[in-house]
All heavy atoms as atom14 arrays in JSON, in Angstrom:
{
  "sequence": "LLIVGCFFDTGAAILILAPMLMPTALAFGVSPLHLGIVFIANLAIG",
  "atom14_mask": [
    [1, 1, 1, 1, 1, 1, 1, 1, 0, 0, 0, 0, 0, 0],
    [1, 1, 1, 1, 1, 1, 1, 1, 0, 0, 0, 0, 0, 0],
    [1, 1, 1, 1, 1, 1, 1, 1, 0, 0, 0, 0, 0, 0],
    [1, 1, 1, 1, 1, 1, 1, 0, 0, 0, 0, 0, 0, 0],
    [1, 1, 1, 1, 0, 0, 0, 0, 0, 0, 0, 0, 0, 0],
    [1, 1, 1, 1, 1, 1, 0, 0, 0, 0, 0, 0, 0, 0],
    [1, 1, 1, 1, 1, 1, 1, 1, 1, 1, 1, 0, 0, 0],
    [1, 1, 1, 1, 1, 1, 1, 1, 1, 1, 1, 0, 0, 0],
    [1, 1, 1, 1, 1, 1, 1, 1, 0, 0, 0, 0, 0, 0],
    [1, 1, 1, 1, 1, 1, 1, 0, 0, 0, 0, 0, 0, 0],
    [1, 1, 1, 1, 0, 0, 0, 0, 0, 0, 0, 0, 0, 0],
    [1, 1, 1, 1, 1, 0, 0, 0, 0, 0, 0, 0, 0, 0],
    [1, 1, 1, 1, 1, 0, 0, 0, 0, 0, 0, 0, 0, 0],
    [1, 1, 1, 1, 1, 1, 1, 1, 0, 0, 0, 0, 0, 0],
    [1, 1, 1, 1, 1, 1, 1, 1, 0, 0, 0, 0, 0, 0],
    [1, 1, 1, 1, 1, 1, 1, 1, 0, 0, 0, 0, 0, 0],
    [1, 1, 1, 1, 1, 1, 1, 1, 0, 0, 0, 0, 0, 0],
    [1, 1, 1, 1, 1, 0, 0, 0, 0, 0, 0, 0, 0, 0],
    [1, 1, 1, 1, 1, 1, 1, 0, 0, 0, 0, 0, 0, 0],
    [1, 1, 1, 1, 1, 1, 1, 1, 0, 0, 0, 0, 0, 0],
    [1, 1, 1, 1, 1, 1, 1, 1, 0, 0, 0, 0, 0, 0],
    [1, 1, 1, 1, 1, 1, 1, 1, 0, 0, 0, 0, 0, 0],
    [1, 1, 1, 1, 1, 1, 1, 0, 0, 0, 0, 0, 0, 0],
    [1, 1, 1, 1, 1, 1, 1, 0, 0, 0, 0, 0, 0, 0],
    [1, 1, 1, 1, 1, 0, 0, 0, 0, 0, 0, 0, 0, 0],
    [1, 1, 1, 1, 1, 1, 1, 1, 0, 0, 0, 0, 0, 0],
    [1, 1, 1, 1, 1, 0, 0, 0, 0, 0, 0, 0, 0, 0],
    [1, 1, 1, 1, 1, 1, 1, 1, 1, 1, 1, 0, 0, 0],
    [1, 1, 1, 1, 0, 0, 0, 0, 0, 0, 0, 0, 0, 0],
    [1, 1, 1, 1, 1, 1, 1, 0, 0, 0, 0, 0, 0, 0],
    [1, 1, 1, 1, 1, 1, 0, 0, 0, 0, 0, 0, 0, 0],
    [1, 1, 1, 1, 1, 1, 1, 0, 0, 0, 0, 0, 0, 0],
    [1, 1, 1, 1, 1, 1, 1, 1, 0, 0, 0, 0, 0, 0],
    [1, 1, 1, 1, 1, 1, 1, 1, 1, 1, 0, 0, 0, 0],
    [1, 1, 1, 1, 1, 1, 1, 1, 0, 0, 0, 0, 0, 0],
    [1, 1, 1, 1, 0, 0, 0, 0, 0, 0, 0, 0, 0, 0],
    [1, 1, 1, 1, 1, 1, 1, 1, 0, 0, 0, 0, 0, 0],
    [1, 1, 1, 1, 1, 1, 1, 0, 0, 0, 0, 0, 0, 0],
    [1, 1, 1, 1, 1, 1, 1, 1, 1, 1, 1, 0, 0, 0],
    [1, 1, 1, 1, 1, 1, 1, 1, 0, 0, 0, 0, 0, 0],
    [1, 1, 1, 1, 1, 0, 0, 0, 0, 0, 0, 0, 0, 0],
    [1, 1, 1, 1, 1, 1, 1, 1, 0, 0, 0, 0, 0, 0],
    [1, 1, 1, 1, 1, 1, 1, 1, 0, 0, 0, 0, 0, 0],
    [1, 1, 1, 1, 1, 0, 0, 0, 0, 0, 0, 0, 0, 0],
    [1, 1, 1, 1, 1, 1, 1, 1, 0, 0, 0, 0, 0, 0],
    [1, 1, 1, 1, 0, 0, 0, 0, 0, 0, 0, 0, 0, 0]
  ],
  "atom14_positions": [
    [[145.81, 57.78, 45.94], [145.76, 57.67, 47.4], [145.93, 56.23, 47.87], [146.57, 55.97, 48.9], [144.43, 58.24, 47.92], [144.27, 59.76, 47.78], [142.86, 60.18, 48.19], [145.3, 60.49, 48.62], [0.0, 0.0, 0.0], [0.0, 0.0, 0.0], [0.0, 0.0, 0.0], [0.0, 0.0, 0.0], [0.0, 0.0, 0.0], [0.0, 0.0, 0.0]],
    [[145.36, 55.28, 47.13], [145.52, 53.88, 47.49], [146.99, 53.45, 47.4], [147.5, 52.74, 48.28], [144.67, 52.99, 46.57], [143.16, 53.0, 46.85], [142.43, 52.28, 45.72], [142.84, 52.34, 48.17], [0.0, 0.0, 0.0], [0.0, 0.0, 0.0], [0.0, 0.0, 0.0], [0.0, 0.0, 0.0], [0.0, 0.0, 0.0], [0.0, 0.0, 0.0]],
    [[147.67, 53.91, 46.37], [149.09, 53.57, 46.21], [149.92, 54.24, 47.3], [150.75, 53.6, 47.94], [149.59, 53.98, 44.81], [148.89, 53.15, 43.73], [151.11, 53.82, 44.71], [149.16, 53.63, 42.31], [0.0, 0.0, 0.0], [0.0, 0.0, 0.0], [0.0, 0.0, 0.0], [0.0, 0.0, 0.0], [0.0, 0.0, 0.0], [0.0, 0.0, 0.0]],
    [[149.67, 55.52, 47.52], [150.43, 56.26, 48.54], [150.2, 55.66, 49.93], [151.12, 55.54, 50.74], [150.02, 57.75, 48.53], [150.59, 58.48, 49.74], [150.52, 58.42, 47.25], [0.0, 0.0, 0.0], [0.0, 0.0, 0.0], [0.0, 0.0, 0.0], [0.0, 0.0, 0.0], [0.0, 0.0, 0.0], [0.0, 0.0, 0.0], [0.0, 0.0, 0.0]],
    [[148.94, 55.25, 50.2], [148.61, 54.68, 51.5], [149.34, 53.4, 51.82], [149.51, 53.04, 52.99], [0.0, 0.0, 0.0], [0.0, 0.0, 0.0], [0.0, 0.0, 0.0], [0.0, 0.0, 0.0], [0.0, 0.0, 0.0], [0.0, 0.0, 0.0], [0.0, 0.0, 0.0], [0.0, 0.0, 0.0], [0.0, 0.0, 0.0], [0.0, 0.0, 0.0]],
    [[149.8, 52.7, 50.78], [150.56, 51.47, 50.99], [151.97, 51.74, 51.5], [152.6, 50.86, 52.09], [150.67, 50.67, 49.69], [149.1, 50.05, 49.08], [0.0, 0.0, 0.0], [0.0, 0.0, 0.0], [0.0, 0.0, 0.0], [0.0, 0.0, 0.0], [0.0, 0.0, 0.0], [0.0, 0.0, 0.0], [0.0, 0.0, 0.0], [0.0, 0.0, 0.0]],
    [[152.48, 52.94, 51.24], [153.89, 53.21, 51.53], [154.12, 54.29, 52.58], [155.18, 54.33, 53.2], [154.6, 53.61, 50.23], [154.61, 52.53, 49.19], [153.63, 52.48, 48.22], [155.58, 51.55, 49.19], [153.63, 51.48, 47.26], [155.59, 50.55, 48.24], [154.61, 50.52, 47.27], [0.0, 0.0, 0.0], [0.0, 0.0, 0.0], [0.0, 0.0, 0.0]],
    [[153.13, 55.18, 52.76], [153.35, 56.32, 53.64], [152.38, 56.32, 54.81], [151.25, 55.84, 54.71], [153.21, 57.64, 52.86], [154.36, 57.92, 51.94], [154.31, 57.53, 50.62], [155.49, 58.56, 52.4], [155.37, 57.77, 49.76], [156.56, 58.83, 51.56], [156.5, 58.43, 50.24], [0.0, 0.0, 0.0], [0.0, 0.0, 0.0], [0.0, 0.0, 0.0]],
    [[152.82, 56.9, 55.9], [151.97, 57.12, 57.06], [150.77, 57.97, 56.66], [150.9, 58.89, 55.83], [152.8, 57.82, 58.15], [151.95, 58.22, 59.34], [151.75, 57.38, 60.23], [151.49, 59.39, 59.37], [0.0, 0.0, 0.0], [0.0, 0.0, 0.0], [0.0, 0.0, 0.0], [0.0, 0.0, 0.0], [0.0, 0.0, 0.0], [0.0, 0.0, 0.0]],
    [[149.61, 57.68, 57.25], [148.39, 58.4, 56.9], [148.54, 59.91, 57.08], [148.17, 60.7, 56.21], [147.2, 57.89, 57.75], [147.04, 56.49, 57.54], [145.92, 58.61, 57.39], [0.0, 0.0, 0.0], [0.0, 0.0, 0.0], [0.0, 0.0, 0.0], [0.0, 0.0, 0.0], [0.0, 0.0, 0.0], [0.0, 0.0, 0.0], [0.0, 0.0, 0.0]],
    [[149.08, 60.31, 58.23], [149.25, 61.74, 58.5], [150.16, 62.41, 57.5], [149.87, 63.51, 56.99], [0.0, 0.0, 0.0], [0.0, 0.0, 0.0], [0.0, 0.0, 0.0], [0.0, 0.0, 0.0], [0.0, 0.0, 0.0], [0.0, 0.0, 0.0], [0.0, 0.0, 0.0], [0.0, 0.0, 0.0], [0.0, 0.0, 0.0], [0.0, 0.0, 0.0]],
    [[151.28, 61.76, 57.17], [152.23, 62.33, 56.21], [151.59, 62.47, 54.83], [151.77, 63.48, 54.15], [153.48, 61.46, 56.14], [0.0, 0.0, 0.0], [0.0, 0.0, 0.0], [0.0, 0.0, 0.0], [0.0, 0.0, 0.0], [0.0, 0.0, 0.0], [0.0, 0.0, 0.0], [0.0, 0.0, 0.0], [0.0, 0.0, 0.0], [0.0, 0.0, 0.0]],
    [[150.84, 61.44, 54.41], [150.19, 61.47, 53.1], [149.19, 62.61, 53.0], [149.12, 63.33, 51.99], [149.5, 60.13, 52.83], [0.0, 0.0, 0.0], [0.0, 0.0, 0.0], [0.0, 0.0, 0.0], [0.0, 0.0, 0.0], [0.0, 0.0, 0.0], [0.0, 0.0, 0.0], [0.0, 0.0, 0.0], [0.0, 0.0, 0.0], [0.0, 0.0, 0.0]],
    [[148.42, 62.81, 54.07], [147.45, 63.91, 54.08], [148.15, 65.26, 54.0], [147.79, 66.14, 53.22], [146.58, 63.84, 55.36], [145.64, 62.63, 55.31], [145.76, 65.13, 55.53], [144.91, 62.36, 56.6], [0.0, 0.0, 0.0], [0.0, 0.0, 0.0], [0.0, 0.0, 0.0], [0.0, 0.0, 0.0], [0.0, 0.0, 0.0], [0.0, 0.0, 0.0]],
    [[149.19, 65.42, 54.82], [149.87, 66.71, 54.91], [150.6, 67.08, 53.62], [150.72, 68.26, 53.29], [150.85, 66.69, 56.09], [150.18, 66.71, 57.46], [151.14, 66.2, 58.53], [149.7, 68.1, 57.81], [0.0, 0.0, 0.0], [0.0, 0.0, 0.0], [0.0, 0.0, 0.0], [0.0, 0.0, 0.0], [0.0, 0.0, 0.0], [0.0, 0.0, 0.0]],
    [[151.09, 66.07, 52.9], [151.8, 66.34, 51.65], [150.82, 66.58, 50.49], [150.94, 67.55, 49.75], [152.74, 65.17, 51.3], [153.9, 65.09, 52.31], [153.32, 65.35, 49.89], [154.75, 63.86, 52.14], [0.0, 0.0, 0.0], [0.0, 0.0, 0.0], [0.0, 0.0, 0.0], [0.0, 0.0, 0.0], [0.0, 0.0, 0.0], [0.0, 0.0, 0.0]],
    [[149.83, 65.69, 50.36], [148.99, 65.71, 49.17], [147.78, 66.64, 49.26], [147.38, 67.23, 48.25], [148.51, 64.29, 48.86], [149.59, 63.29, 48.43], [148.98, 61.91, 48.25], [150.26, 63.74, 47.14], [0.0, 0.0, 0.0], [0.0, 0.0, 0.0], [0.0, 0.0, 0.0], [0.0, 0.0, 0.0], [0.0, 0.0, 0.0], [0.0, 0.0, 0.0]],
    [[147.17, 66.73, 50.44], [145.92, 67.5, 50.55], [146.09, 68.96, 50.13], [145.28, 69.47, 49.33], [145.36, 67.39, 51.97], [0.0, 0.0, 0.0], [0.0, 0.0, 0.0], [0.0, 0.0, 0.0], [0.0, 0.0, 0.0], [0.0, 0.0, 0.0], [0.0, 0.0, 0.0], [0.0, 0.0, 0.0], [0.0, 0.0, 0.0], [0.0, 0.0, 0.0]],
    [[147.11, 69.69, 50.63], [147.25, 71.09, 50.19], [147.52, 71.22, 48.69], [147.09, 72.2, 48.06], [148.45, 71.59, 51.0], [148.55, 70.68, 52.18], [148.11, 69.34, 51.65], [0.0, 0.0, 0.0], [0.0, 0.0, 0.0], [0.0, 0.0, 0.0], [0.0, 0.0, 0.0], [0.0, 0.0, 0.0], [0.0, 0.0, 0.0], [0.0, 0.0, 0.0]],
    [[148.21, 70.24, 48.1], [148.52, 70.32, 46.67], [147.31, 70.0, 45.81], [147.13, 70.59, 44.73], [149.67, 69.37, 46.33], [151.03, 69.82, 46.84], [152.4, 68.99, 46.0], [152.14, 67.29, 46.52], [0.0, 0.0, 0.0], [0.0, 0.0, 0.0], [0.0, 0.0, 0.0], [0.0, 0.0, 0.0], [0.0, 0.0, 0.0], [0.0, 0.0, 0.0]],
    [[146.47, 69.06, 46.25], [145.34, 68.62, 45.43], [144.05, 69.39, 45.72], [143.11, 69.32, 44.92], [145.09, 67.12, 45.65], [146.17, 66.19, 45.08], [145.96, 64.76, 45.54], [146.18, 66.25, 43.56], [0.0, 0.0, 0.0], [0.0, 0.0, 0.0], [0.0, 0.0, 0.0], [0.0, 0.0, 0.0], [0.0, 0.0, 0.0], [0.0, 0.0, 0.0]],
    [[144.01, 70.12, 46.83], [142.8, 70.86, 47.17], [142.37, 71.85, 46.08], [141.19, 71.87, 45.69], [143.0, 71.6, 48.5], [141.83, 72.48, 48.9], [140.35, 71.54, 49.37], [140.69, 71.29, 51.11], [0.0, 0.0, 0.0], [0.0, 0.0, 0.0], [0.0, 0.0, 0.0], [0.0, 0.0, 0.0], [0.0, 0.0, 0.0], [0.0, 0.0, 0.0]],
    [[143.28, 72.68, 45.51], [142.83, 73.62, 44.46], [142.22, 72.9, 43.26], [141.22, 73.37, 42.69], [144.12, 74.35, 44.08], [145.01, 74.23, 45.27], [144.71, 72.88, 45.84], [0.0, 0.0, 0.0], [0.0, 0.0, 0.0], [0.0, 0.0, 0.0], [0.0, 0.0, 0.0], [0.0, 0.0, 0.0], [0.0, 0.0, 0.0], [0.0, 0.0, 0.0]],
    [[142.82, 71.79, 42.86], [142.3, 71.03, 41.73], [140.91, 70.47, 42.05], [139.99, 70.53, 41.23], [143.25, 69.88, 41.36], [144.56, 70.4, 41.16], [142.78, 69.17, 40.1], [0.0, 0.0, 0.0], [0.0, 0.0, 0.0], [0.0, 0.0, 0.0], [0.0, 0.0, 0.0], [0.0, 0.0, 0.0], [0.0, 0.0, 0.0], [0.0, 0.0, 0.0]],
    [[140.77, 69.9, 43.26], [139.48, 69.34, 43.66], [138.4, 70.42, 43.7], [137.27, 70.19, 43.24], [139.62, 68.68, 45.03], [0.0, 0.0, 0.0], [0.0, 0.0, 0.0], [0.0, 0.0, 0.0], [0.0, 0.0, 0.0], [0.0, 0.0, 0.0], [0.0, 0.0, 0.0], [0.0, 0.0, 0.0], [0.0, 0.0, 0.0], [0.0, 0.0, 0.0]],
    [[138.74, 71.6, 44.21], [137.77, 72.69, 44.26], [137.36, 73.12, 42.85], [136.2, 73.46, 42.61], [138.36, 73.88, 45.03], [138.6, 73.67, 46.53], [139.27, 74.9, 47.14], [137.29, 73.36, 47.26], [0.0, 0.0, 0.0], [0.0, 0.0, 0.0], [0.0, 0.0, 0.0], [0.0, 0.0, 0.0], [0.0, 0.0, 0.0], [0.0, 0.0, 0.0]],
    [[138.32, 73.07, 41.93], [138.01, 73.43, 40.54], [137.02, 72.46, 39.91], [136.24, 72.85, 39.03], [139.31, 73.47, 39.72], [0.0, 0.0, 0.0], [0.0, 0.0, 0.0], [0.0, 0.0, 0.0], [0.0, 0.0, 0.0], [0.0, 0.0, 0.0], [0.0, 0.0, 0.0], [0.0, 0.0, 0.0], [0.0, 0.0, 0.0], [0.0, 0.0, 0.0]],
    [[137.03, 71.22, 40.38], [136.08, 70.22, 39.89], [134.77, 70.24, 40.69], [133.89, 69.41, 40.47], [136.69, 68.82, 39.97], [137.6, 68.49, 38.81], [138.98, 68.55, 38.96], [137.09, 68.12, 37.58], [139.81, 68.25, 37.9], [137.92, 67.82, 36.51], [139.29, 67.88, 36.67], [0.0, 0.0, 0.0], [0.0, 0.0, 0.0], [0.0, 0.0, 0.0]],
    [[134.65, 71.16, 41.64], [133.43, 71.29, 42.43], [133.33, 70.31, 43.59], [132.23, 70.07, 44.11], [0.0, 0.0, 0.0], [0.0, 0.0, 0.0], [0.0, 0.0, 0.0], [0.0, 0.0, 0.0], [0.0, 0.0, 0.0], [0.0, 0.0, 0.0], [0.0, 0.0, 0.0], [0.0, 0.0, 0.0], [0.0, 0.0, 0.0], [0.0, 0.0, 0.0]],
    [[134.47, 69.75, 44.03], [134.47, 68.81, 45.15], [134.48, 69.6, 46.46], [135.32, 70.47, 46.66], [135.71, 67.88, 45.09], [135.68, 66.89, 46.25], [135.75, 67.15, 43.76], [0.0, 0.0, 0.0], [0.0, 0.0, 0.0], [0.0, 0.0, 0.0], [0.0, 0.0, 0.0], [0.0, 0.0, 0.0], [0.0, 0.0, 0.0], [0.0, 0.0, 0.0]],
    [[133.56, 69.3, 47.34], [133.51, 69.94, 48.65], [134.74, 69.54, 49.47], [135.17, 68.39, 49.42], [132.24, 69.5, 49.4], [132.36, 69.7, 50.79], [0.0, 0.0, 0.0], [0.0, 0.0, 0.0], [0.0, 0.0, 0.0], [0.0, 0.0, 0.0], [0.0, 0.0, 0.0], [0.0, 0.0, 0.0], [0.0, 0.0, 0.0], [0.0, 0.0, 0.0]],
    [[135.32, 70.47, 50.23], [136.45, 70.12, 51.11], [136.13, 68.99, 52.07], [136.99, 68.14, 52.36], [136.73, 71.42, 51.86], [136.25, 72.5, 50.95], [135.04, 71.92, 50.26], [0.0, 0.0, 0.0], [0.0, 0.0, 0.0], [0.0, 0.0, 0.0], [0.0, 0.0, 0.0], [0.0, 0.0, 0.0], [0.0, 0.0, 0.0], [0.0, 0.0, 0.0]],
    [[134.88, 68.93, 52.56], [134.48, 67.85, 53.48], [134.46, 66.51, 52.75], [134.94, 65.5, 53.27], [133.11, 68.16, 54.08], [133.01, 69.4, 54.95], [131.58, 69.65, 55.36], [133.89, 69.25, 56.19], [0.0, 0.0, 0.0], [0.0, 0.0, 0.0], [0.0, 0.0, 0.0], [0.0, 0.0, 0.0], [0.0, 0.0, 0.0], [0.0, 0.0, 0.0]],
    [[133.91, 66.52, 51.54], [133.87, 65.29, 50.74], [135.29, 64.84, 50.41], [135.63, 63.65, 50.53], [133.08, 65.56, 49.46], [132.95, 64.37, 48.57], [132.86, 64.47, 47.2], [132.92, 63.03, 48.84], [132.76, 63.26, 46.67], [132.81, 62.37, 47.65], [0.0, 0.0, 0.0], [0.0, 0.0, 0.0], [0.0, 0.0, 0.0], [0.0, 0.0, 0.0]],
    [[136.15, 65.79, 50.02], [137.54, 65.47, 49.7], [138.24, 64.87, 50.92], [138.99, 63.9, 50.8], [138.28, 66.72, 49.25], [139.76, 66.53, 48.87], [139.88, 65.67, 47.61], [140.45, 67.87, 48.68], [0.0, 0.0, 0.0], [0.0, 0.0, 0.0], [0.0, 0.0, 0.0], [0.0, 0.0, 0.0], [0.0, 0.0, 0.0], [0.0, 0.0, 0.0]],
    [[137.96, 65.43, 52.1], [138.59, 64.93, 53.32], [138.24, 63.47, 53.6], [139.12, 62.67, 53.93], [0.0, 0.0, 0.0], [0.0, 0.0, 0.0], [0.0, 0.0, 0.0], [0.0, 0.0, 0.0], [0.0, 0.0, 0.0], [0.0, 0.0, 0.0], [0.0, 0.0, 0.0], [0.0, 0.0, 0.0], [0.0, 0.0, 0.0], [0.0, 0.0, 0.0]],
    [[136.98, 63.12, 53.45], [136.56, 61.74, 53.71], [137.1, 60.79, 52.64], [137.48, 59.66, 52.95], [135.02, 61.65, 53.81], [134.5, 62.59, 54.9], [134.59, 60.22, 54.1], [135.16, 62.38, 56.26], [0.0, 0.0, 0.0], [0.0, 0.0, 0.0], [0.0, 0.0, 0.0], [0.0, 0.0, 0.0], [0.0, 0.0, 0.0], [0.0, 0.0, 0.0]],
    [[137.16, 61.25, 51.39], [137.75, 60.42, 50.32], [139.22, 60.16, 50.64], [139.71, 59.02, 50.52], [137.6, 61.11, 48.95], [138.44, 60.4, 47.89], [136.14, 61.12, 48.52], [0.0, 0.0, 0.0], [0.0, 0.0, 0.0], [0.0, 0.0, 0.0], [0.0, 0.0, 0.0], [0.0, 0.0, 0.0], [0.0, 0.0, 0.0], [0.0, 0.0, 0.0]],
    [[139.94, 61.19, 51.04], [141.34, 61.05, 51.44], [141.48, 60.02, 52.55], [142.26, 59.05, 52.46], [141.88, 62.4, 51.94], [142.83, 63.07, 50.98], [142.34, 63.82, 49.93], [144.19, 62.95, 51.15], [143.21, 64.46, 49.05], [145.07, 63.58, 50.28], [144.58, 64.34, 49.23], [0.0, 0.0, 0.0], [0.0, 0.0, 0.0], [0.0, 0.0, 0.0]],
    [[140.74, 60.23, 53.62], [140.91, 59.42, 54.84], [140.48, 57.98, 54.61], [141.14, 57.05, 55.08], [140.12, 60.08, 55.99], [140.82, 61.4, 56.39], [140.02, 59.15, 57.19], [139.96, 62.32, 57.23], [0.0, 0.0, 0.0], [0.0, 0.0, 0.0], [0.0, 0.0, 0.0], [0.0, 0.0, 0.0], [0.0, 0.0, 0.0], [0.0, 0.0, 0.0]],
    [[139.39, 57.78, 53.88], [138.92, 56.41, 53.62], [139.92, 55.63, 52.77], [140.18, 54.44, 53.03], [137.56, 56.45, 52.94], [0.0, 0.0, 0.0], [0.0, 0.0, 0.0], [0.0, 0.0, 0.0], [0.0, 0.0, 0.0], [0.0, 0.0, 0.0], [0.0, 0.0, 0.0], [0.0, 0.0, 0.0], [0.0, 0.0, 0.0], [0.0, 0.0, 0.0]],
    [[140.48, 56.28, 51.76], [141.49, 55.6, 50.93], [142.74, 55.26, 51.73], [143.27, 54.15, 51.63], [141.88, 56.5, 49.74], [140.97, 56.33, 48.55], [141.03, 55.33, 47.85], [140.11, 57.3, 48.32], [0.0, 0.0, 0.0], [0.0, 0.0, 0.0], [0.0, 0.0, 0.0], [0.0, 0.0, 0.0], [0.0, 0.0, 0.0], [0.0, 0.0, 0.0]],
    [[143.21, 56.2, 52.51], [144.43, 55.97, 53.29], [144.21, 54.96, 54.4], [145.17, 54.31, 54.85], [144.94, 57.3, 53.85], [145.39, 58.32, 52.79], [145.69, 59.67, 53.43], [146.61, 57.82, 52.03], [0.0, 0.0, 0.0], [0.0, 0.0, 0.0], [0.0, 0.0, 0.0], [0.0, 0.0, 0.0], [0.0, 0.0, 0.0], [0.0, 0.0, 0.0]],
    [[142.95, 54.8, 54.83], [142.64, 53.78, 55.84], [142.95, 52.39, 55.31], [143.43, 51.52, 56.06], [141.17, 53.87, 56.25], [0.0, 0.0, 0.0], [0.0, 0.0, 0.0], [0.0, 0.0, 0.0], [0.0, 0.0, 0.0], [0.0, 0.0, 0.0], [0.0, 0.0, 0.0], [0.0, 0.0, 0.0], [0.0, 0.0, 0.0], [0.0, 0.0, 0.0]],
    [[142.7, 52.16, 54.02], [143.0, 50.86, 53.43], [144.51, 50.59, 53.49], [144.95, 49.45, 53.66], [142.51, 50.78, 51.97], [141.0, 50.94, 51.91], [142.89, 49.46, 51.33], [140.43, 50.82, 50.52], [0.0, 0.0, 0.0], [0.0, 0.0, 0.0], [0.0, 0.0, 0.0], [0.0, 0.0, 0.0], [0.0, 0.0, 0.0], [0.0, 0.0, 0.0]],
    [[145.3, 51.66, 53.36], [146.74, 51.5, 53.4], [147.24, 50.9, 54.7], [148.31, 50.28, 54.74], [0.0, 0.0, 0.0], [0.0, 0.0, 0.0], [0.0, 0.0, 0.0], [0.0, 0.0, 0.0], [0.0, 0.0, 0.0], [0.0, 0.0, 0.0], [0.0, 0.0, 0.0], [0.0, 0.0, 0.0], [0.0, 0.0, 0.0], [0.0, 0.0, 0.0]]
  ]
}
């Protein structure tokens, strides 16, 4: 996410990566809310 945030718009990065990574994150027991904040905080640095 840090690398992607350097090159892509925040909205585009979320829309592309979040649906693809959500099943994997859920399999690791990550809450969707927690995943959302991790996504947004990382992309904010971008």
